[in-house]
């Protein structure tokens, strides 16, 4: 079966049904006449950006929202404990083990005022392009972490 056709059918199944896991998705695809191996389905889910989301009846597989950043944004906001700075850099303290995700989120924003980030276990170092812009960068980070 053609990969594009199969992935299109997967999208359709996720829109029409509450699919709890990949095994349920395999069953639905088989009922539609599409046989797929678990490994292939797993790759398809990864390529389509399918996530586990809390639904009415527990967790379900779901396609990302129109703006996938909103999903990540909500998670990142919870993971950030504090934002501090000195004359040269900004330090973001996170929950243990979550600095990499927060740093990656900031990198994906591609703000021209941020030269780069370095993440440890629970600390993200944010390096501004100019030390004169530290307060603007902090404001920008705080705005992008709020759920609104």
N, C-alpha and C. Protein backbone atom coordinates (compact mmCIF):
# COMPACT_ATOMS: atom_id res chain seq x y z
N UNK A 1 0.84 -1.18 0.00
CA UNK A 1 0.00 0.00 0.00
C UNK A 1 0.88 1.24 0.00
N UNK A 2 0.44 2.25 -0.71
CA UNK A 2 1.12 3.53 -0.81
C UNK A 2 1.15 4.23 0.55
N UNK A 3 2.31 4.73 0.93
CA UNK A 3 2.50 5.39 2.23
C UNK A 3 1.56 6.58 2.39
N UNK A 4 1.41 7.40 1.35
CA UNK A 4 0.54 8.58 1.44
C UNK A 4 -0.91 8.20 1.66
N UNK A 5 -1.36 7.15 0.98
CA UNK A 5 -2.74 6.68 1.14
C UNK A 5 -2.94 6.15 2.56
N UNK A 6 -1.97 5.37 3.04
CA UNK A 6 -2.05 4.81 4.39
C UNK A 6 -2.09 5.91 5.43
N UNK A 7 -1.21 6.91 5.30
CA UNK A 7 -1.18 8.00 6.28
C UNK A 7 -2.44 8.85 6.21
N UNK A 8 -3.00 8.99 5.03
CA UNK A 8 -4.27 9.71 4.88
C UNK A 8 -5.38 8.96 5.62
N UNK A 9 -5.38 7.64 5.51
CA UNK A 9 -6.38 6.82 6.20
C UNK A 9 -6.18 6.90 7.72
N UNK A 10 -4.94 6.95 8.16
CA UNK A 10 -4.67 7.10 9.60
C UNK A 10 -5.26 8.41 10.10
N UNK A 11 -5.02 9.50 9.37
CA UNK A 11 -5.60 10.80 9.76
C UNK A 11 -7.12 10.71 9.85
N UNK A 12 -7.71 10.07 8.84
CA UNK A 12 -9.16 9.92 8.81
C UNK A 12 -9.66 9.16 10.04
N UNK A 13 -8.99 8.05 10.37
CA UNK A 13 -9.39 7.23 11.52
C UNK A 13 -9.31 8.03 12.83
N UNK A 14 -8.28 8.85 12.95
CA UNK A 14 -8.13 9.63 14.17
C UNK A 14 -9.19 10.73 14.28
N UNK A 15 -9.66 11.22 13.14
CA UNK A 15 -10.73 12.22 13.16
C UNK A 15 -12.09 11.58 13.47
N UNK A 16 -12.28 10.35 13.01
CA UNK A 16 -13.59 9.70 13.15
C UNK A 16 -13.77 8.92 14.45
N UNK A 17 -12.67 8.46 15.04
CA UNK A 17 -12.75 7.56 16.20
C UNK A 17 -11.88 8.06 17.35
N UNK A 18 -12.27 7.67 18.56
CA UNK A 18 -11.42 7.85 19.73
C UNK A 18 -10.50 6.63 19.77
N UNK A 19 -9.25 6.81 19.37
CA UNK A 19 -8.31 5.70 19.28
C UNK A 19 -7.38 5.76 20.48
N UNK A 20 -7.45 4.74 21.32
CA UNK A 20 -6.70 4.74 22.56
C UNK A 20 -5.22 4.46 22.41
N UNK A 21 -4.85 3.61 21.44
CA UNK A 21 -3.44 3.25 21.28
C UNK A 21 -3.22 2.72 19.86
N UNK A 22 -1.98 2.37 19.57
CA UNK A 22 -1.64 1.91 18.22
C UNK A 22 -2.29 0.57 17.90
N UNK A 23 -2.50 -0.28 18.89
CA UNK A 23 -3.16 -1.56 18.63
C UNK A 23 -4.60 -1.34 18.17
N UNK A 24 -5.29 -0.38 18.79
CA UNK A 24 -6.65 -0.03 18.35
C UNK A 24 -6.63 0.52 16.93
N UNK A 25 -5.61 1.32 16.63
CA UNK A 25 -5.49 1.90 15.29
C UNK A 25 -5.23 0.81 14.25
N UNK A 26 -4.40 -0.17 14.58
CA UNK A 26 -4.16 -1.29 13.67
C UNK A 26 -5.46 -2.03 13.39
N UNK A 27 -6.25 -2.26 14.44
CA UNK A 27 -7.53 -2.96 14.28
C UNK A 27 -8.47 -2.19 13.36
N UNK A 28 -8.57 -0.87 13.56
CA UNK A 28 -9.43 -0.04 12.71
C UNK A 28 -8.95 -0.04 11.26
N UNK A 29 -7.65 0.02 11.07
CA UNK A 29 -7.11 -0.01 9.71
C UNK A 29 -7.40 -1.35 9.04
N UNK A 30 -7.25 -2.45 9.80
CA UNK A 30 -7.55 -3.77 9.25
C UNK A 30 -9.02 -3.88 8.86
N UNK A 31 -9.91 -3.31 9.68
CA UNK A 31 -11.33 -3.31 9.35
C UNK A 31 -11.61 -2.53 8.07
N UNK A 32 -10.74 -1.56 7.77
CA UNK A 32 -10.88 -0.77 6.54
C UNK A 32 -10.11 -1.41 5.37
N UNK A 33 -9.56 -2.61 5.61
CA UNK A 33 -8.86 -3.32 4.54
C UNK A 33 -7.39 -2.95 4.39
N UNK A 34 -6.83 -2.32 5.39
CA UNK A 34 -5.42 -1.91 5.32
C UNK A 34 -4.65 -2.70 6.36
N UNK A 35 -3.73 -3.54 5.89
CA UNK A 35 -2.88 -4.30 6.80
C UNK A 35 -1.56 -3.56 6.94
N UNK A 36 -1.15 -3.36 8.18
CA UNK A 36 0.08 -2.61 8.44
C UNK A 36 0.80 -3.24 9.63
N UNK A 37 2.11 -3.31 9.53
CA UNK A 37 2.93 -3.84 10.63
C UNK A 37 3.06 -2.79 11.73
N UNK A 38 3.25 -3.25 12.95
CA UNK A 38 3.39 -2.34 14.09
C UNK A 38 4.51 -1.34 13.87
N UNK A 39 5.65 -1.81 13.38
CA UNK A 39 6.81 -0.91 13.16
C UNK A 39 6.48 0.16 12.12
N UNK A 40 5.78 -0.22 11.07
CA UNK A 40 5.40 0.74 10.03
C UNK A 40 4.43 1.78 10.59
N UNK A 41 3.45 1.30 11.36
CA UNK A 41 2.49 2.22 11.97
C UNK A 41 3.19 3.18 12.93
N UNK A 42 4.13 2.68 13.68
CA UNK A 42 4.88 3.52 14.61
C UNK A 42 5.62 4.62 13.86
N UNK A 43 6.26 4.27 12.74
CA UNK A 43 6.95 5.28 11.91
C UNK A 43 5.95 6.29 11.35
N UNK A 44 4.80 5.80 10.88
CA UNK A 44 3.78 6.70 10.35
C UNK A 44 3.32 7.69 11.43
N UNK A 45 3.08 7.18 12.62
CA UNK A 45 2.63 8.05 13.72
C UNK A 45 3.67 9.12 14.02
N UNK A 46 4.93 8.72 14.01
CA UNK A 46 6.00 9.67 14.26
C UNK A 46 6.06 10.73 13.16
N UNK A 47 5.97 10.30 11.91
CA UNK A 47 6.03 11.25 10.79
C UNK A 47 4.83 12.20 10.78
N UNK A 48 3.67 11.71 11.20
CA UNK A 48 2.46 12.55 11.22
C UNK A 48 2.40 13.44 12.46
N UNK A 49 3.31 13.22 13.41
CA UNK A 49 3.32 14.02 14.63
C UNK A 49 2.21 13.66 15.60
N UNK A 50 1.74 12.42 15.51
CA UNK A 50 0.63 11.98 16.37
C UNK A 50 1.10 11.94 17.82
N UNK A 51 0.23 12.45 18.68
CA UNK A 51 0.54 12.54 20.11
C UNK A 51 -0.51 11.80 20.92
N UNK A 52 -0.20 11.54 22.18
CA UNK A 52 -1.20 11.01 23.12
C UNK A 52 -1.81 12.19 23.82
N UNK A 53 -3.11 12.27 23.78
CA UNK A 53 -3.83 13.41 24.35
C UNK A 53 -4.91 12.90 25.28
N UNK A 54 -5.21 13.67 26.32
CA UNK A 54 -6.27 13.28 27.26
C UNK A 54 -7.61 13.61 26.63
N UNK A 55 -8.43 12.62 26.43
CA UNK A 55 -9.76 12.79 25.86
C UNK A 55 -10.83 12.58 26.91
N UNK A 56 -12.07 12.51 26.48
CA UNK A 56 -13.19 12.32 27.40
C UNK A 56 -13.12 10.97 28.11
N UNK A 57 -12.66 9.96 27.41
CA UNK A 57 -12.62 8.61 27.97
C UNK A 57 -11.19 8.14 28.25
N UNK A 58 -10.33 9.03 28.68
CA UNK A 58 -8.94 8.68 28.93
C UNK A 58 -8.04 9.17 27.82
N UNK A 59 -6.87 8.58 27.72
CA UNK A 59 -5.92 9.01 26.72
C UNK A 59 -6.28 8.47 25.35
N UNK A 60 -5.94 9.24 24.32
CA UNK A 60 -6.21 8.82 22.95
C UNK A 60 -5.11 9.35 22.04
N UNK A 61 -4.98 8.74 20.88
CA UNK A 61 -4.05 9.24 19.87
C UNK A 61 -4.71 10.41 19.16
N UNK A 62 -3.93 11.44 18.87
CA UNK A 62 -4.49 12.62 18.22
C UNK A 62 -3.46 13.26 17.31
N UNK A 63 -3.96 13.87 16.26
CA UNK A 63 -3.11 14.66 15.38
C UNK A 63 -2.79 15.96 16.08
N UNK A 64 -1.65 16.55 15.79
CA UNK A 64 -1.32 17.82 16.44
C UNK A 64 -2.31 18.91 16.02
N UNK A 65 -2.47 19.89 16.89
CA UNK A 65 -3.35 21.02 16.60
C UNK A 65 -2.81 21.79 15.41
N UNK A 66 -3.60 22.73 14.92
CA UNK A 66 -3.15 23.60 13.84
C UNK A 66 -1.82 24.23 14.20
N UNK A 67 -1.68 24.65 15.44
CA UNK A 67 -0.44 25.25 15.91
C UNK A 67 0.16 24.35 16.98
N UNK A 68 1.02 23.39 16.59
CA UNK A 68 1.55 22.46 17.57
C UNK A 68 2.33 23.12 18.68
N UNK A 69 2.78 24.35 18.47
CA UNK A 69 3.48 25.07 19.51
C UNK A 69 2.64 25.28 20.75
N UNK A 70 1.32 25.35 20.61
CA UNK A 70 0.44 25.55 21.76
C UNK A 70 0.49 24.37 22.72
N UNK A 71 0.61 23.17 22.17
CA UNK A 71 0.71 21.98 23.03
C UNK A 71 2.00 22.06 23.85
N UNK A 72 3.10 22.30 23.16
CA UNK A 72 4.40 22.37 23.81
C UNK A 72 4.44 23.54 24.78
N UNK A 73 3.88 24.67 24.37
CA UNK A 73 3.88 25.88 25.19
C UNK A 73 3.26 25.61 26.57
N UNK A 74 2.13 24.91 26.59
CA UNK A 74 1.47 24.60 27.84
C UNK A 74 2.32 23.72 28.73
N UNK A 75 3.04 22.78 28.14
CA UNK A 75 3.92 21.90 28.91
C UNK A 75 5.12 22.66 29.44
N UNK A 76 5.73 23.47 28.59
CA UNK A 76 6.93 24.22 28.97
C UNK A 76 6.62 25.19 30.10
N UNK A 77 5.46 25.82 30.05
CA UNK A 77 5.09 26.78 31.09
C UNK A 77 5.10 26.13 32.46
N UNK A 78 4.62 24.91 32.55
CA UNK A 78 4.57 24.18 33.82
C UNK A 78 5.96 23.78 34.28
N UNK A 79 6.87 23.55 33.33
CA UNK A 79 8.21 23.08 33.65
C UNK A 79 9.15 24.18 34.13
N UNK A 80 8.85 25.43 33.83
CA UNK A 80 9.72 26.54 34.22
C UNK A 80 9.40 26.97 35.65
N UNK A 81 10.44 26.99 36.48
CA UNK A 81 10.28 27.40 37.88
C UNK A 81 10.61 28.87 38.09
N UNK A 82 11.66 29.37 37.40
CA UNK A 82 12.04 30.78 37.57
C UNK A 82 12.88 31.24 36.39
N UNK A 83 12.89 32.56 36.20
CA UNK A 83 13.72 33.20 35.18
C UNK A 83 14.47 34.32 35.87
N UNK A 84 15.80 34.27 35.81
CA UNK A 84 16.64 35.28 36.44
C UNK A 84 17.72 35.71 35.46
N UNK A 85 18.34 36.85 35.74
CA UNK A 85 19.43 37.30 34.87
C UNK A 85 20.46 38.08 35.68
N UNK A 86 21.62 38.24 35.06
CA UNK A 86 22.61 39.18 35.58
C UNK A 86 22.90 40.16 34.45
N UNK A 87 24.06 40.75 34.42
CA UNK A 87 24.37 41.75 33.39
C UNK A 87 24.60 41.13 32.02
N UNK A 88 24.80 39.82 31.93
CA UNK A 88 25.20 39.22 30.66
C UNK A 88 24.30 38.12 30.14
N UNK A 89 23.68 37.33 31.02
CA UNK A 89 22.92 36.15 30.57
C UNK A 89 21.62 36.00 31.35
N UNK A 90 20.77 35.12 30.85
CA UNK A 90 19.50 34.78 31.49
C UNK A 90 19.56 33.31 31.89
N UNK A 91 19.12 33.02 33.10
CA UNK A 91 19.10 31.65 33.60
C UNK A 91 17.64 31.27 33.86
N UNK A 92 17.22 30.15 33.27
CA UNK A 92 15.88 29.62 33.50
C UNK A 92 16.02 28.33 34.29
N UNK A 93 15.43 28.29 35.47
CA UNK A 93 15.42 27.08 36.30
C UNK A 93 14.16 26.30 35.96
N UNK A 94 14.32 24.97 35.76
CA UNK A 94 13.21 24.11 35.38
C UNK A 94 13.06 22.96 36.38
N UNK A 95 12.01 22.20 36.18
CA UNK A 95 11.88 20.96 36.92
C UNK A 95 13.05 20.05 36.54
N UNK A 96 13.46 19.13 37.42
CA UNK A 96 14.57 18.24 37.10
C UNK A 96 14.33 17.49 35.78
N UNK A 97 15.37 17.47 34.94
CA UNK A 97 15.30 16.74 33.69
C UNK A 97 14.55 17.44 32.56
N UNK A 98 14.09 18.66 32.76
CA UNK A 98 13.25 19.32 31.76
C UNK A 98 13.92 20.49 31.05
N UNK A 99 15.16 20.79 31.38
CA UNK A 99 15.84 21.94 30.78
C UNK A 99 15.98 21.77 29.26
N UNK A 100 16.29 20.57 28.81
CA UNK A 100 16.48 20.36 27.37
C UNK A 100 15.21 20.72 26.59
N UNK A 101 14.05 20.30 27.08
CA UNK A 101 12.79 20.61 26.41
C UNK A 101 12.51 22.10 26.37
N UNK A 102 12.79 22.79 27.47
CA UNK A 102 12.58 24.24 27.53
C UNK A 102 13.54 24.95 26.57
N UNK A 103 14.80 24.53 26.57
CA UNK A 103 15.78 25.12 25.67
C UNK A 103 15.40 24.90 24.21
N UNK A 104 14.95 23.71 23.90
CA UNK A 104 14.52 23.39 22.55
C UNK A 104 13.33 24.24 22.13
N UNK A 105 12.37 24.43 23.03
CA UNK A 105 11.21 25.29 22.76
C UNK A 105 11.67 26.70 22.43
N UNK A 106 12.59 27.24 23.23
CA UNK A 106 13.08 28.60 22.98
C UNK A 106 13.82 28.67 21.64
N UNK A 107 14.60 27.65 21.32
CA UNK A 107 15.31 27.63 20.04
C UNK A 107 14.34 27.64 18.87
N UNK A 108 13.22 26.92 19.00
CA UNK A 108 12.24 26.84 17.92
C UNK A 108 11.52 28.17 17.68
N UNK A 109 11.54 29.06 18.68
CA UNK A 109 10.90 30.37 18.50
C UNK A 109 11.69 31.24 17.52
N UNK A 110 12.97 30.93 17.37
CA UNK A 110 13.86 31.64 16.43
C UNK A 110 13.79 33.16 16.60
N UNK A 111 13.93 33.60 17.83
CA UNK A 111 13.94 35.04 18.12
C UNK A 111 15.33 35.59 17.82
N UNK A 112 15.37 36.65 17.05
CA UNK A 112 16.66 37.23 16.64
C UNK A 112 17.40 37.87 17.82
N UNK A 113 16.73 38.10 18.95
CA UNK A 113 17.39 38.67 20.12
C UNK A 113 18.10 37.61 20.96
N UNK A 114 17.85 36.33 20.64
CA UNK A 114 18.48 35.24 21.38
C UNK A 114 19.58 34.61 20.52
N UNK A 115 20.81 34.73 20.99
CA UNK A 115 21.95 34.16 20.27
C UNK A 115 21.92 32.63 20.34
N UNK A 116 21.54 32.10 21.50
CA UNK A 116 21.46 30.65 21.66
C UNK A 116 21.12 30.25 23.08
N UNK A 117 20.93 28.94 23.27
CA UNK A 117 20.64 28.40 24.60
C UNK A 117 21.55 27.20 24.84
N UNK A 118 21.83 26.96 26.11
CA UNK A 118 22.57 25.77 26.54
C UNK A 118 21.77 25.18 27.70
N UNK A 119 21.44 23.88 27.59
CA UNK A 119 20.60 23.26 28.61
C UNK A 119 21.36 22.18 29.35
N UNK A 120 21.18 22.20 30.65
CA UNK A 120 21.69 21.12 31.50
C UNK A 120 20.52 20.26 31.91
N UNK A 121 20.52 19.82 33.16
CA UNK A 121 19.43 18.98 33.67
C UNK A 121 18.23 19.82 34.08
N UNK A 122 18.50 20.87 34.87
CA UNK A 122 17.39 21.70 35.37
C UNK A 122 17.66 23.19 35.19
N UNK A 123 18.58 23.52 34.31
CA UNK A 123 18.95 24.92 34.08
C UNK A 123 19.18 25.16 32.59
N UNK A 124 18.60 26.26 32.10
CA UNK A 124 18.83 26.68 30.72
C UNK A 124 19.55 28.02 30.76
N UNK A 125 20.67 28.11 30.06
CA UNK A 125 21.40 29.36 29.91
C UNK A 125 20.95 29.98 28.59
N UNK A 126 20.38 31.18 28.65
CA UNK A 126 19.94 31.89 27.46
C UNK A 126 20.91 33.03 27.22
N UNK A 127 21.50 33.05 26.05
CA UNK A 127 22.50 34.07 25.73
C UNK A 127 21.88 35.07 24.76
N UNK A 128 21.68 36.31 25.21
CA UNK A 128 21.10 37.32 24.32
C UNK A 128 22.15 37.83 23.33
N UNK A 129 21.69 38.36 22.21
CA UNK A 129 22.59 38.94 21.21
C UNK A 129 23.33 40.13 21.82
N UNK A 130 22.60 40.89 22.63
CA UNK A 130 23.19 42.06 23.27
C UNK A 130 22.76 42.10 24.73
N UNK A 131 23.68 42.44 25.61
CA UNK A 131 23.33 42.54 27.03
C UNK A 131 22.33 43.67 27.25
N UNK A 132 22.29 44.63 26.35
CA UNK A 132 21.33 45.73 26.46
C UNK A 132 19.89 45.26 26.25
N UNK A 133 19.72 44.06 25.68
CA UNK A 133 18.38 43.55 25.38
C UNK A 133 17.88 42.50 26.38
N UNK A 134 18.57 42.32 27.48
CA UNK A 134 18.20 41.28 28.44
C UNK A 134 16.76 41.45 28.92
N UNK A 135 16.35 42.64 29.28
CA UNK A 135 14.99 42.82 29.79
C UNK A 135 13.95 42.51 28.70
N UNK A 136 14.24 42.88 27.43
CA UNK A 136 13.30 42.56 26.35
C UNK A 136 13.23 41.06 26.12
N UNK A 137 14.36 40.38 26.21
CA UNK A 137 14.38 38.93 26.00
C UNK A 137 13.61 38.23 27.13
N UNK A 138 13.79 38.68 28.36
CA UNK A 138 13.05 38.09 29.48
C UNK A 138 11.55 38.29 29.26
N UNK A 139 11.14 39.49 28.88
CA UNK A 139 9.72 39.76 28.61
C UNK A 139 9.21 38.85 27.49
N UNK A 140 10.00 38.70 26.45
CA UNK A 140 9.62 37.85 25.32
C UNK A 140 9.44 36.40 25.78
N UNK A 141 10.36 35.90 26.58
CA UNK A 141 10.27 34.53 27.08
C UNK A 141 9.02 34.38 27.94
N UNK A 142 8.78 35.31 28.85
CA UNK A 142 7.61 35.23 29.72
C UNK A 142 6.31 35.27 28.92
N UNK A 143 6.25 36.11 27.89
CA UNK A 143 5.05 36.19 27.03
C UNK A 143 4.82 34.87 26.31
N UNK A 144 5.88 34.24 25.85
CA UNK A 144 5.74 33.00 25.10
C UNK A 144 5.52 31.78 25.98
N UNK A 145 5.65 31.94 27.27
CA UNK A 145 5.37 30.84 28.18
C UNK A 145 3.98 30.94 28.81
N UNK A 146 3.34 32.10 28.68
CA UNK A 146 2.00 32.23 29.27
C UNK A 146 0.97 31.64 28.34
N UNK A 147 -0.04 30.99 28.91
CA UNK A 147 -1.07 30.29 28.13
C UNK A 147 -2.06 31.25 27.48
N UNK A 148 -2.24 32.42 28.06
CA UNK A 148 -3.23 33.40 27.57
C UNK A 148 -4.59 32.80 27.48
